[in-house]
Amino acid sequence: MRSVTYKKYIEYSFLRYALSIIVILFIMMIAFLSFNFKVLEHYENKKNTLKLLQVLEKQFLSYNLALENLSKDTEIINLVSGSSNSHPSEVNRTLYNFVNAQDLKANFVLLDKDFNIISSNLFESNKELFLESRVLEKVSAAPLNNTYITPSRLNYDYEQESSLIFAHAVMNGKEKVGYLFFDVLSKDIENLFMRSPIDSIVLTDRYDHIIFYTGKKSVDLTLKYPGDKYMNTFSKNGEIDINGTKYQGQINTFIDGQFTLYTMVSKEIQRRSFYYGLWFIILSAFIMLFMIPYITRRISEKNVSAIEEMIGSITQMSHGKKVEHPVVFEEFNKLLSSFEMVLAEKEALIKNNSELSERKRIMEIKQLEEQFNPHFLFNILETLKYQIMIDKDKAVEMVLAFAGLMRYSIYYGSTVVPLGTDIEYINDYLMLQKLRYNRRLTYSIDIPDELQECLIPKLLLQPIVENSLAHGLVDVIHITIRAECSADMLIISVEDNGKGIDSQNLQLLRESLEKDSIYKEHIGLYNSHRVVKLLYGNRYGLEINSCHGTLITVRLPFVLESEDE
């Protein structure tokens, strides 16, 4: 595998991912624009057409229903019939209130059967235009109980221009006594159409006569809509081409086919938006392609400089120099802090291991010094000389015990050994010491079988036993060695019935175990205590008590030989 610098790797990775993102965004934008062009324009046109349709249908039904009810109203019948019980002001108020409450307001005209205006909100000049129109003839010829609806062709002044007329005969029983007209204002229909985002809107009656068109000023309203050349396109796919401009069209009829609403949205705007969006994406992609290499170099330089600074700091720390942490990235500061902790732990471990090795070396030398002590050797050899003459088997046992003692001290290389192994050594040591002290020394060892495999530091117990012999010897001294398990801790005790230690010296001895300097006569105890702490931590070690004799307790972690493997 070819080696690559971290800086180059960052540049390649950032460039690769950036290009991937650009491609994905490009595809997503193309898909979105296409979706918007093909689907959303149709959906939005349909939704807006439905809103417009609901308003128109509601208003036209409202006028139709009002005509049916008002044509039967007693006050209106009395007024157009010339009855003395009529109330013109009440009728005017009713008609004004109704048209003013509508979203699409209207002119109203109330006529008697001779086409005389009884009530109206038209200006005087507009009233004359109304009376001169042919709509009166058409209404008089229409069925009596039906509402007559027709496009308005009256060009009123004073913003009263209208687009759609609703008319109904006023009946007194079976007699026609008058007519009521509602003429919907063009400006309100125009405002309604202009508020819609639809480009072009055409409203026709059932005969395809144009009622209102958003381009009304440029359209001949006497023509029908749509022309034959447009109808087929509308009916097939909803698209229509008018003078070279394509539209998305919708056709909706309402109120039992009395009205038809044509809505058209220009597709040219969407097409231009699509092409503009496409060119914008392409231009943005080219700009990003030129910028990305520069950005990647800056990012890689920033990252690499931070890493180089961190490497320099680590190098200095590895040489023991104290350095300030770089403040470029918080993660690097945490990494350097962790590295400092590892170095500190490593130095502490090296120091502990060095001290442990030294203590172990001192203990082994001390054992050899004790074992090769001239008095110790002389007593063993003298005893052996007489024992050979008296009991050869016992002499052989003594030689084997002495050989085992030497071999264990010199050749047994492990730092920790099973408790049973160290007890065998202690047993040989005490047997040989008994040859020296004869009846003045007795001892007992009580170690449960299940604790024989527990691991302890090598030569841990011998300095403690030796301390009892060196400082507690009386006429007859008895040494007891026990072991027990408490929770996760192994507790070994060495107890004698010797002279004991007075309280002052006992306190001094306890304090000295925790110091680096120790009385030479207690160096064995200090070494044992220090080795335990170095191996297992401050929770463990030696504890000394003295009352009638001396009790030394050793606390160790409970670790079996099989678990350690």
Protein backbone atom coordinates (compact mmCIF):
# COMPACT_ATOMS: atom_id res chain seq x y z
CA MET A 1 0.00 0.00 0.00
CA ARG A 2 1.42 3.37 -1.04
CA SER A 3 2.17 5.71 1.85
CA VAL A 4 0.19 8.98 1.88
CA THR A 5 0.76 11.99 4.10
CA TYR A 6 -2.04 13.01 6.43
CA LYS A 7 -2.27 16.40 4.72
CA LYS A 8 -2.81 14.81 1.31
CA TYR A 9 -5.30 12.37 2.79
CA ILE A 10 -7.37 15.25 4.22
CA GLU A 11 -7.25 17.09 0.89
CA TYR A 12 -8.33 14.03 -1.10
CA SER A 13 -11.05 13.12 1.41
CA PHE A 14 -12.51 16.61 1.58
CA LEU A 15 -12.39 16.99 -2.20
CA ARG A 16 -14.03 13.61 -2.73
CA TYR A 17 -16.81 14.24 -0.22
CA ALA A 18 -17.37 17.80 -1.44
CA LEU A 19 -17.71 16.62 -5.03
CA SER A 20 -20.10 13.90 -3.92
CA ILE A 21 -22.23 16.47 -2.12
CA ILE A 22 -22.23 18.74 -5.18
CA VAL A 23 -23.36 15.88 -7.42
CA ILE A 24 -26.09 14.86 -4.96
CA LEU A 25 -27.31 18.45 -4.62
CA PHE A 26 -27.26 18.85 -8.40
CA ILE A 27 -29.37 15.72 -8.86
CA MET A 28 -31.75 16.76 -6.06
CA MET A 29 -32.20 20.24 -7.51
CA ILE A 30 -32.85 18.86 -11.01
CA ALA A 31 -35.37 16.41 -9.54
CA PHE A 32 -37.02 19.16 -7.51
CA LEU A 33 -37.29 21.54 -10.44
CA SER A 34 -38.65 18.77 -12.64
CA PHE A 35 -41.14 17.76 -9.98
CA ASN A 36 -42.18 21.37 -9.52
CA PHE A 37 -42.51 21.82 -13.27
CA LYS A 38 -44.49 18.65 -13.89
CA VAL A 39 -46.49 18.13 -10.71
CA LEU A 40 -46.65 21.15 -8.48
CA GLU A 41 -47.82 23.54 -11.19
CA HIS A 42 -50.79 21.26 -11.90
CA TYR A 43 -51.49 20.74 -8.20
CA GLU A 44 -51.24 24.43 -7.35
CA ASN A 45 -53.46 25.42 -10.29
CA LYS A 46 -56.03 22.86 -9.25
CA LYS A 47 -55.94 23.99 -5.61
CA ASN A 48 -56.27 27.69 -6.48
CA THR A 49 -59.04 26.96 -8.96
CA LEU A 50 -60.94 25.06 -6.26
CA LYS A 51 -60.71 28.02 -3.86
CA LEU A 52 -61.97 30.40 -6.56
CA LEU A 53 -64.73 28.00 -7.50
CA GLN A 54 -65.96 27.74 -3.92
CA VAL A 55 -66.28 31.53 -3.59
CA LEU A 56 -68.14 31.90 -6.89
CA GLU A 57 -70.48 29.02 -6.20
CA LYS A 58 -71.27 30.31 -2.72
CA GLN A 59 -72.03 33.83 -3.98
CA PHE A 60 -74.10 32.76 -7.01
CA LEU A 61 -76.15 30.35 -4.91
CA SER A 62 -76.63 33.09 -2.34
CA TYR A 63 -78.06 35.47 -5.01
CA ASN A 64 -80.21 32.73 -6.48
CA LEU A 65 -81.66 31.79 -3.09
CA ALA A 66 -82.19 35.44 -2.12
CA LEU A 67 -84.17 36.07 -5.31
CA GLU A 68 -86.41 33.11 -4.65
CA ASN A 69 -87.09 34.29 -1.08
CA LEU A 70 -87.37 38.03 -1.75
CA SER A 71 -89.73 37.53 -4.69
CA LYS A 72 -92.16 36.07 -2.19
CA ASP A 73 -91.57 38.70 0.48
CA THR A 74 -94.85 40.44 1.52
CA GLU A 75 -93.27 43.88 1.83
CA ILE A 76 -91.83 43.70 -1.70
CA ILE A 77 -95.11 42.36 -3.15
CA ASN A 78 -97.08 45.17 -1.49
CA LEU A 79 -94.58 47.78 -2.72
CA VAL A 80 -94.59 46.72 -6.41
CA SER A 81 -98.40 46.19 -6.31
CA GLY A 82 -98.96 49.78 -5.14
CA SER A 83 -100.61 48.69 -1.90
CA SER A 84 -101.16 51.29 0.78
CA ASN A 85 -99.61 48.87 3.31
CA SER A 86 -96.20 49.05 1.63
CA HIS A 87 -93.06 50.37 3.34
CA PRO A 88 -90.55 51.56 0.70
CA SER A 89 -87.86 52.42 3.25
CA GLU A 90 -88.03 48.96 4.80
CA VAL A 91 -87.69 47.31 1.38
CA ASN A 92 -84.72 49.55 0.48
CA ARG A 93 -83.00 48.69 3.76
CA THR A 94 -83.52 44.95 3.19
CA LEU A 95 -82.06 45.05 -0.32
CA TYR A 96 -79.12 47.29 0.68
CA ASN A 97 -78.25 45.11 3.67
CA PHE A 98 -78.29 41.97 1.55
CA VAL A 99 -76.01 43.18 -1.29
CA ASN A 100 -73.60 44.90 1.12
CA ALA A 101 -73.17 41.66 3.10
CA GLN A 102 -71.88 39.75 0.05
CA ASP A 103 -68.26 39.31 -0.99
CA LEU A 104 -69.34 39.99 -4.56
CA LYS A 105 -71.58 43.00 -4.25
CA ALA A 106 -74.29 43.86 -6.77
CA ASN A 107 -76.57 46.59 -8.12
CA PHE A 108 -80.22 45.90 -7.34
CA VAL A 109 -83.31 47.06 -9.24
CA LEU A 110 -86.92 46.46 -8.20
CA LEU A 111 -89.53 47.05 -10.98
CA ASP A 112 -93.29 46.88 -11.14
CA LYS A 113 -94.98 44.90 -13.89
CA ASP A 114 -94.87 47.95 -16.20
CA PHE A 115 -91.03 48.19 -15.79
CA ASN A 116 -91.14 51.25 -13.59
CA ILE A 117 -88.24 51.39 -11.10
CA ILE A 118 -89.60 51.14 -7.56
CA SER A 119 -86.22 50.77 -5.72
CA SER A 120 -82.59 50.72 -6.87
CA ASN A 121 -79.06 51.63 -5.86
CA LEU A 122 -78.16 52.67 -9.43
CA PHE A 123 -77.26 56.21 -10.28
CA GLU A 124 -79.86 58.03 -12.39
CA SER A 125 -77.86 57.82 -15.61
CA ASN A 126 -77.31 54.12 -15.07
CA LYS A 127 -81.04 53.60 -14.43
CA GLU A 128 -81.77 54.89 -17.91
CA LEU A 129 -79.21 52.48 -19.41
CA PHE A 130 -80.84 49.65 -17.54
CA LEU A 131 -84.37 50.50 -18.73
CA GLU A 132 -83.14 50.76 -22.32
CA SER A 133 -81.48 47.33 -22.27
CA ARG A 134 -82.96 44.24 -23.86
CA VAL A 135 -82.64 42.33 -20.62
CA LEU A 136 -86.15 43.46 -19.61
CA GLU A 137 -87.67 41.74 -22.60
CA LYS A 138 -85.78 38.53 -21.88
CA VAL A 139 -86.80 38.51 -18.21
CA SER A 140 -90.47 39.14 -19.03
CA ALA A 141 -90.39 36.19 -21.43
CA ALA A 142 -88.65 33.85 -18.97
CA PRO A 143 -90.55 31.20 -16.95
CA LEU A 144 -92.30 32.74 -13.92
CA ASN A 145 -90.85 30.61 -11.14
CA ASN A 146 -87.25 30.38 -12.42
CA THR A 147 -84.31 32.68 -11.81
CA TYR A 148 -83.11 34.21 -15.05
CA ILE A 149 -79.30 34.47 -15.34
CA THR A 150 -77.49 36.23 -18.14
CA PRO A 151 -74.17 38.04 -18.72
CA SER A 152 -74.46 41.79 -18.35
CA ARG A 153 -73.58 43.95 -21.32
CA LEU A 154 -74.43 47.29 -19.64
CA ASN A 155 -71.58 49.77 -19.45
CA TYR A 156 -72.56 51.63 -16.33
CA ASP A 157 -70.74 54.72 -15.10
CA TYR A 158 -69.52 55.57 -11.59
CA GLU A 159 -67.92 52.11 -11.01
CA GLN A 160 -71.29 50.39 -11.18
CA GLU A 161 -70.26 48.35 -14.21
CA SER A 162 -71.61 44.80 -13.87
CA SER A 163 -70.91 41.39 -15.35
CA LEU A 164 -73.73 39.04 -14.36
CA ILE A 165 -77.48 39.59 -13.90
CA PHE A 166 -79.73 37.48 -11.67
CA ALA A 167 -83.48 38.25 -12.17
CA HIS A 168 -86.73 36.82 -10.86
CA ALA A 169 -90.40 37.74 -11.27
CA VAL A 170 -92.26 38.98 -8.17
CA MET A 171 -95.46 37.01 -7.90
CA ASN A 172 -98.64 37.78 -5.97
CA GLY A 173 -100.20 34.38 -6.06
CA LYS A 174 -100.29 33.49 -9.76
CA GLU A 175 -100.15 37.10 -10.89
CA LYS A 176 -96.83 38.67 -11.99
CA VAL A 177 -96.63 42.05 -10.20
CA GLY A 178 -92.97 43.01 -10.72
CA TYR A 179 -89.33 42.05 -11.20
CA LEU A 180 -86.23 41.96 -8.93
CA PHE A 181 -82.71 42.20 -10.42
CA PHE A 182 -79.27 41.66 -8.87
CA ASP A 183 -76.45 42.81 -11.15
CA VAL A 184 -73.06 41.55 -9.79
CA LEU A 185 -70.36 44.24 -9.93
CA SER A 186 -67.47 43.66 -12.32
CA LYS A 187 -64.93 45.28 -10.01
CA ASP A 188 -65.63 42.75 -7.22
CA ILE A 189 -65.28 39.82 -9.62
CA GLU A 190 -62.06 41.37 -10.94
CA ASN A 191 -60.68 41.82 -7.40
CA LEU A 192 -61.51 38.21 -6.63
CA PHE A 193 -59.71 37.01 -9.79
CA MET A 194 -56.74 39.30 -9.24
CA ARG A 195 -56.19 37.93 -5.72
CA SER A 196 -55.76 34.47 -7.20
CA PRO A 197 -52.25 33.50 -8.44
CA ILE A 198 -53.83 32.11 -11.64
CA ASP A 199 -52.62 33.87 -14.80
CA SER A 200 -55.84 33.83 -16.83
CA ILE A 201 -59.45 33.20 -15.73
CA VAL A 202 -62.63 33.03 -17.85
CA LEU A 203 -66.15 32.67 -16.45
CA THR A 204 -68.93 31.65 -18.88
CA ASP A 205 -72.60 30.73 -18.69
CA ARG A 206 -74.10 27.45 -19.84
CA TYR A 207 -74.12 28.70 -23.43
CA ASP A 208 -70.39 29.56 -23.30
CA HIS A 209 -71.10 33.29 -23.30
CA ILE A 210 -68.31 35.12 -21.51
CA ILE A 211 -69.40 36.59 -18.15
CA PHE A 212 -65.99 37.83 -17.10
CA TYR A 213 -62.43 37.43 -18.32
CA THR A 214 -59.24 38.73 -16.78
CA GLY A 215 -58.40 40.28 -20.17
CA LYS A 216 -61.87 41.64 -20.66
CA LYS A 217 -60.81 44.93 -22.23
CA SER A 218 -59.14 43.13 -25.16
CA VAL A 219 -61.79 40.46 -25.73
CA ASP A 220 -65.02 40.68 -27.73
CA LEU A 221 -67.59 39.55 -25.16
CA THR A 222 -70.10 38.71 -27.85
CA LEU A 223 -67.95 35.70 -28.76
CA LYS A 224 -68.25 32.33 -27.17
CA TYR A 225 -65.36 30.80 -25.22
CA PRO A 226 -63.35 28.77 -25.78
CA GLY A 227 -63.14 28.75 -29.53
CA ASP A 228 -63.27 25.45 -31.37
CA LYS A 229 -59.51 25.43 -31.93
CA TYR A 230 -58.91 25.53 -28.13
CA MET A 231 -61.62 23.13 -26.96
CA ASN A 232 -59.91 19.94 -28.14
CA THR A 233 -56.65 20.86 -26.42
CA PHE A 234 -58.44 21.64 -23.18
CA SER A 235 -60.29 18.37 -23.17
CA LYS A 236 -57.32 16.14 -23.99
CA ASN A 237 -54.45 16.99 -21.64
CA GLY A 238 -55.28 20.27 -19.92
CA GLU A 239 -52.76 22.21 -22.00
CA ILE A 240 -53.64 25.03 -24.35
CA ASP A 241 -51.58 27.09 -26.77
CA ILE A 242 -52.72 30.69 -27.20
CA ASN A 243 -50.74 32.74 -29.66
CA GLY A 244 -47.65 30.62 -29.09
CA THR A 245 -47.85 30.71 -25.29
CA LYS A 246 -48.54 27.42 -23.52
CA TYR A 247 -50.88 27.27 -20.54
CA GLN A 248 -51.84 24.63 -18.01
CA GLY A 249 -55.66 24.69 -18.04
CA GLN A 250 -58.49 23.57 -15.75
CA ILE A 251 -62.23 23.40 -16.64
CA ASN A 252 -64.86 23.25 -13.88
CA THR A 253 -68.64 23.54 -14.15
CA PHE A 254 -70.79 24.38 -11.14
CA ILE A 255 -74.39 24.99 -10.04
CA ASP A 256 -75.79 22.21 -12.23
CA GLY A 257 -73.79 23.26 -15.27
CA GLN A 258 -75.07 26.85 -15.30
CA PHE A 259 -71.53 28.22 -15.10
CA THR A 260 -68.12 27.13 -16.36
CA LEU A 261 -64.82 28.36 -14.95
CA TYR A 262 -61.68 28.21 -17.13
CA THR A 263 -58.34 28.75 -15.32
CA MET A 264 -54.95 28.88 -17.02
CA VAL A 265 -51.41 29.14 -15.66
CA SER A 266 -48.60 30.03 -18.02
CA LYS A 267 -46.07 27.23 -18.42
CA GLU A 268 -43.51 29.66 -19.80
CA ILE A 269 -42.86 31.08 -16.33
CA GLN A 270 -42.19 27.61 -14.96
CA ARG A 271 -39.98 26.79 -17.93
CA ARG A 272 -37.96 29.94 -17.47
CA SER A 273 -37.70 29.24 -13.73
CA PHE A 274 -36.49 25.72 -14.53
CA TYR A 275 -33.82 26.93 -16.95
CA TYR A 276 -32.74 29.77 -14.65
CA GLY A 277 -32.50 27.32 -11.74
CA LEU A 278 -30.53 24.88 -13.87
CA TRP A 279 -28.05 27.54 -14.96
CA PHE A 280 -27.75 28.74 -11.37
CA ILE A 281 -26.87 25.21 -10.22
CA ILE A 282 -24.32 24.76 -13.00
CA LEU A 283 -22.72 28.13 -12.26
CA SER A 284 -22.66 27.38 -8.51
CA ALA A 285 -21.07 23.99 -9.20
CA PHE A 286 -18.28 25.59 -11.27
CA ILE A 287 -17.65 28.21 -8.60
CA MET A 288 -17.47 25.51 -5.91
CA LEU A 289 -15.12 23.41 -8.05
CA PHE A 290 -12.72 26.34 -8.22
CA MET A 291 -13.06 27.12 -4.51
CA ILE A 292 -12.85 23.58 -3.11
CA PRO A 293 -9.11 23.00 -3.81
CA TYR A 294 -8.25 26.27 -2.06
CA ILE A 295 -10.55 25.43 0.86
CA THR A 296 -9.13 21.90 1.17
CA ARG A 297 -5.56 23.24 1.28
CA ARG A 298 -6.47 25.72 4.02
CA ILE A 299 -8.27 23.08 6.07
CA SER A 300 -5.48 20.51 5.68
CA GLU A 301 -2.83 23.09 6.60
CA LYS A 302 -4.80 24.06 9.70
CA ASN A 303 -5.21 20.43 10.78
CA VAL A 304 -1.63 19.44 9.98
CA SER A 305 -0.20 22.46 11.80
CA ALA A 306 -2.19 21.50 14.88
CA ILE A 307 -0.97 17.89 14.64
CA GLU A 308 2.63 18.99 14.14
CA GLU A 309 2.36 21.21 17.19
CA MET A 310 0.96 18.30 19.17
CA ILE A 311 3.77 15.98 17.95
CA GLY A 312 6.34 18.58 19.04
CA SER A 313 4.73 18.82 22.47
CA ILE A 314 4.72 15.01 22.83
CA THR A 315 8.38 14.82 21.81
CA GLN A 316 9.32 17.42 24.42
CA MET A 317 7.25 15.68 27.10
CA SER A 318 8.88 12.33 26.25
CA HIS A 319 12.25 14.00 27.02
CA GLY A 320 10.97 15.16 30.38
CA LYS A 321 10.31 18.78 29.42
CA LYS A 322 7.18 20.54 30.56
CA VAL A 323 5.29 22.26 27.73
CA GLU A 324 2.16 24.35 27.42
CA HIS A 325 -0.73 22.64 25.68
CA PRO A 326 -1.67 23.98 22.24
CA VAL A 327 -5.07 25.65 22.23
CA VAL A 328 -5.96 24.88 18.59
CA PHE A 329 -8.41 22.04 19.28
CA GLU A 330 -9.90 20.91 22.56
CA GLU A 331 -9.57 17.23 21.57
CA PHE A 332 -5.80 17.65 21.10
CA ASN A 333 -5.51 19.22 24.55
CA LYS A 334 -7.35 16.23 26.02
CA LEU A 335 -5.05 13.87 24.11
CA LEU A 336 -1.95 15.63 25.42
CA SER A 337 -3.34 15.56 28.95
CA SER A 338 -3.92 11.82 28.61
CA PHE A 339 -0.40 11.36 27.28
CA GLU A 340 0.99 13.29 30.24
CA MET A 341 -0.95 11.03 32.59
CA VAL A 342 0.40 7.93 30.82
CA LEU A 343 3.95 9.25 31.10
CA ALA A 344 3.47 10.02 34.79
CA GLU A 345 2.03 6.55 35.40
CA LYS A 346 4.89 5.01 33.42
CA GLU A 347 7.50 6.89 35.46
CA ALA A 348 5.77 5.93 38.71
CA LEU A 349 5.62 2.29 37.58
CA ILE A 350 9.29 2.28 36.62
CA LYS A 351 10.15 3.81 39.99
CA ASN A 352 8.00 1.26 41.83
CA ASN A 353 9.47 -1.66 39.87
CA SER A 354 12.99 -0.43 40.54
CA GLU A 355 12.26 -0.11 44.24
CA LEU A 356 10.52 -3.49 44.24
CA SER A 357 13.51 -5.16 42.61
CA GLU A 358 15.85 -3.50 45.10
CA ARG A 359 13.71 -4.56 48.06
CA LYS A 360 13.54 -8.09 46.74
CA ARG A 361 17.32 -8.14 46.27
CA ILE A 362 17.83 -6.86 49.84
CA MET A 363 15.44 -9.48 51.24
CA GLU A 364 17.22 -12.31 49.42
CA ILE A 365 20.63 -11.06 50.58
CA LYS A 366 19.27 -10.78 54.13
CA GLN A 367 18.00 -14.36 53.93
CA LEU A 368 21.40 -15.56 52.71
CA GLU A 369 23.20 -13.60 55.42
CA GLU A 370 20.94 -15.10 58.03
CA GLN A 371 21.21 -18.59 56.63
CA PHE A 372 25.01 -18.38 56.29
CA ASN A 373 25.34 -16.82 59.72
CA PRO A 374 28.29 -18.69 61.31
CA HIS A 375 26.34 -19.48 64.49
CA PHE A 376 23.40 -20.75 62.44
CA LEU A 377 25.67 -22.94 60.30
CA PHE A 378 27.77 -24.09 63.26
CA ASN A 379 24.70 -25.21 65.21
CA ILE A 380 23.32 -27.06 62.18
CA LEU A 381 26.67 -28.81 61.50
CA GLU A 382 27.21 -29.71 65.17
CA THR A 383 23.71 -31.05 65.44
CA LEU A 384 24.12 -32.91 62.17
CA LYS A 385 27.35 -34.54 63.40
CA TYR A 386 25.64 -36.03 66.47
CA GLN A 387 22.47 -36.78 64.54
CA ILE A 388 24.39 -38.91 62.02
CA MET A 389 25.61 -41.10 64.83
CA ILE A 390 22.24 -41.25 66.58
CA ASP A 391 19.63 -41.19 63.79
CA LYS A 392 20.83 -41.29 60.19
CA ASP A 393 17.30 -40.82 58.81
CA LYS A 394 16.84 -37.67 60.84
CA ALA A 395 20.23 -36.41 59.62
CA VAL A 396 19.17 -36.96 56.03
CA GLU A 397 15.97 -35.01 56.71
CA MET A 398 18.03 -32.13 58.10
CA VAL A 399 20.31 -32.07 55.06
CA LEU A 400 17.32 -32.07 52.71
CA ALA A 401 15.66 -29.23 54.64
CA PHE A 402 18.87 -27.17 54.56
CA ALA A 403 19.30 -27.83 50.82
CA GLY A 404 15.68 -26.81 50.15
CA LEU A 405 16.24 -23.65 52.17
CA MET A 406 19.26 -22.72 50.08
CA ARG A 407 17.63 -23.61 46.76
CA TYR A 408 14.43 -21.62 47.47
CA SER A 409 16.42 -18.52 48.51
CA ILE A 410 18.81 -18.60 45.58
CA TYR A 411 17.04 -20.16 42.60
CA TYR A 412 13.27 -19.63 42.98
CA GLY A 413 12.97 -16.66 40.57
CA SER A 414 9.25 -15.71 40.67
CA THR A 415 8.18 -12.53 42.44
CA VAL A 416 5.03 -14.20 43.76
CA VAL A 417 4.64 -17.83 44.81
CA PRO A 418 1.83 -20.00 46.17
CA LEU A 419 1.31 -19.69 49.90
CA GLY A 420 1.94 -23.43 50.29
CA THR A 421 5.40 -23.07 48.70
CA ASP A 422 6.42 -20.27 51.06
CA ILE A 423 5.05 -22.21 54.04
CA GLU A 424 7.25 -25.21 53.08
CA TYR A 425 10.23 -22.88 53.17
CA ILE A 426 9.13 -21.47 56.57
CA ASN A 427 8.64 -24.97 57.89
CA ASP A 428 12.21 -25.94 56.88
CA TYR A 429 13.50 -22.67 58.33
CA LEU A 430 11.75 -23.21 61.69
CA MET A 431 12.86 -26.85 61.84
CA LEU A 432 16.49 -25.81 61.41
CA GLN A 433 16.05 -22.93 63.91
CA LYS A 434 14.67 -25.43 66.41
CA LEU A 435 17.91 -27.32 66.12
CA ARG A 436 19.58 -24.09 67.24
CA TYR A 437 17.20 -23.19 70.08
CA ASN A 438 16.11 -26.73 70.91
CA ARG A 439 13.37 -26.73 73.58
CA ARG A 440 13.23 -22.92 73.76
CA LEU A 441 11.34 -22.83 70.42
CA THR A 442 7.97 -24.38 69.52
CA TYR A 443 5.73 -23.50 66.60
CA SER A 444 2.47 -24.40 64.85
CA ILE A 445 1.28 -23.70 61.29
CA ASP A 446 -2.46 -23.64 60.50
CA ILE A 447 -3.10 -23.05 56.79
CA PRO A 448 -6.42 -24.36 55.30
CA ASP A 449 -6.04 -26.47 52.18
CA GLU A 450 -8.19 -24.11 50.10
CA LEU A 451 -5.69 -21.29 50.75
CA GLN A 452 -2.57 -23.22 49.76
CA GLU A 453 -2.80 -21.95 46.15
CA CYS A 454 -3.17 -18.26 47.07
CA LEU A 455 -0.34 -16.15 45.66
CA ILE A 456 1.91 -14.12 47.97
CA PRO A 457 5.28 -12.34 47.49
CA LYS A 458 8.27 -14.66 47.75
CA LEU A 459 10.10 -14.63 51.14
CA LEU A 460 7.27 -12.57 52.68
CA LEU A 461 6.88 -14.48 55.96
CA GLN A 462 10.50 -15.34 56.82
CA PRO A 463 11.47 -11.79 57.95
CA ILE A 464 8.36 -11.70 60.20
CA VAL A 465 9.23 -15.08 61.81
CA GLU A 466 12.84 -13.99 62.14
CA ASN A 467 11.65 -10.79 63.91
CA SER A 468 9.88 -12.91 66.56
CA LEU A 469 13.04 -14.93 67.15
CA ALA A 470 15.35 -11.90 67.19
CA HIS A 471 13.27 -9.55 69.40
CA GLY A 472 10.79 -11.68 71.29
CA LEU A 473 12.84 -14.66 72.49
CA VAL A 474 12.06 -15.71 76.08
CA ASP A 475 12.67 -18.92 78.01
CA VAL A 476 10.24 -20.76 75.77
CA ILE A 477 8.77 -18.97 72.71
CA HIS A 478 5.88 -20.33 70.68
CA ILE A 479 5.21 -19.03 67.16
CA THR A 480 1.81 -19.54 65.51
CA ILE A 481 1.21 -18.99 61.79
CA ARG A 482 -2.40 -18.83 60.55
CA ALA A 483 -4.21 -17.85 57.30
CA GLU A 484 -7.83 -17.03 56.57
CA CYS A 485 -9.95 -15.45 53.82
CA SER A 486 -12.21 -12.45 54.43
CA ALA A 487 -14.25 -11.26 51.42
CA ASP A 488 -11.65 -10.56 48.72
CA MET A 489 -8.71 -10.39 51.11
CA LEU A 490 -6.16 -12.98 52.31
CA ILE A 491 -5.12 -12.42 55.93
CA ILE A 492 -1.95 -14.11 57.28
CA SER A 493 -0.98 -13.70 60.94
CA VAL A 494 2.30 -14.49 62.74
CA GLU A 495 1.87 -14.44 66.51
CA ASP A 496 4.38 -15.13 69.31
CA ASN A 497 4.23 -15.15 73.12
CA GLY A 498 7.52 -13.27 73.46
CA LYS A 499 8.48 -10.11 75.32
CA GLY A 500 6.26 -7.90 73.17
CA ILE A 501 6.84 -4.21 72.38
CA ASP A 502 6.13 -1.29 74.69
CA SER A 503 3.60 1.31 73.46
CA GLN A 504 6.17 4.00 72.66
CA ASN A 505 8.37 1.74 70.55
CA LEU A 506 5.27 0.18 68.98
CA GLN A 507 4.03 3.59 67.80
CA LEU A 508 7.51 4.46 66.53
CA LEU A 509 7.69 1.14 64.66
CA ARG A 510 4.26 1.67 63.04
CA GLU A 511 5.24 5.15 61.86
CA SER A 512 8.60 4.00 60.57
CA LEU A 513 6.98 1.39 58.33
CA GLU A 514 5.50 4.24 56.25
CA LYS A 515 8.81 6.12 55.97
CA ASP A 516 11.75 5.63 53.66
CA SER A 517 14.18 5.28 56.54
CA ILE A 518 13.84 2.42 59.04
CA TYR A 519 15.74 1.04 62.00
CA LYS A 520 18.29 -1.48 60.79
CA GLU A 521 16.99 -4.04 63.24
CA HIS A 522 13.54 -3.87 61.61
CA ILE A 523 14.63 -3.69 57.98
CA GLY A 524 13.11 -7.12 57.31
CA LEU A 525 9.63 -5.99 58.40
CA TYR A 526 9.95 -2.77 56.39
CA ASN A 527 10.98 -4.67 53.26
CA SER A 528 8.00 -7.05 53.55
CA HIS A 529 5.58 -4.16 54.15
CA ARG A 530 6.99 -2.11 51.26
CA VAL A 531 6.96 -5.07 48.81
CA VAL A 532 3.24 -5.68 49.52
CA LYS A 533 2.37 -2.03 48.93
CA LEU A 534 4.40 -1.83 45.74
CA LEU A 535 2.75 -4.96 44.36
CA TYR A 536 -0.87 -4.41 45.45
CA GLY A 537 -1.36 -0.81 46.57
CA ASN A 538 -1.82 1.15 49.80
CA ARG A 539 -4.87 -0.87 50.85
CA TYR A 540 -2.59 -3.78 51.77
CA GLY A 541 0.46 -4.27 54.01
CA LEU A 542 1.60 -5.21 57.51
CA GLU A 543 -0.17 -4.35 60.76
CA ILE A 544 1.69 -4.71 64.12
CA ASN A 545 0.00 -5.19 67.51
CA SER A 546 1.56 -6.08 70.85
CA CYS A 547 0.06 -6.97 74.22
CA HIS A 548 1.17 -10.33 75.61
CA GLY A 549 3.61 -11.03 72.84
CA THR A 550 3.53 -9.65 69.29
CA LEU A 551 0.92 -10.16 66.52
CA ILE A 552 1.85 -9.19 62.96
CA THR A 553 -0.98 -9.35 60.43
CA VAL A 554 -0.36 -9.29 56.69
CA ARG A 555 -3.27 -8.26 54.40
CA LEU A 556 -3.08 -9.32 50.75
CA PRO A 557 -5.54 -9.54 47.84
CA PHE A 558 -7.13 -12.97 47.47
CA VAL A 559 -5.64 -14.25 44.18
CA LEU A 560 -5.46 -17.95 43.32
CA GLU A 561 -2.66 -19.32 41.16
CA SER A 562 -5.15 -20.46 38.46
CA GLU A 563 -6.69 -16.95 38.25
CA ASP A 564 -3.29 -15.31 37.87
CA GLU A 565 -2.48 -17.50 34.90
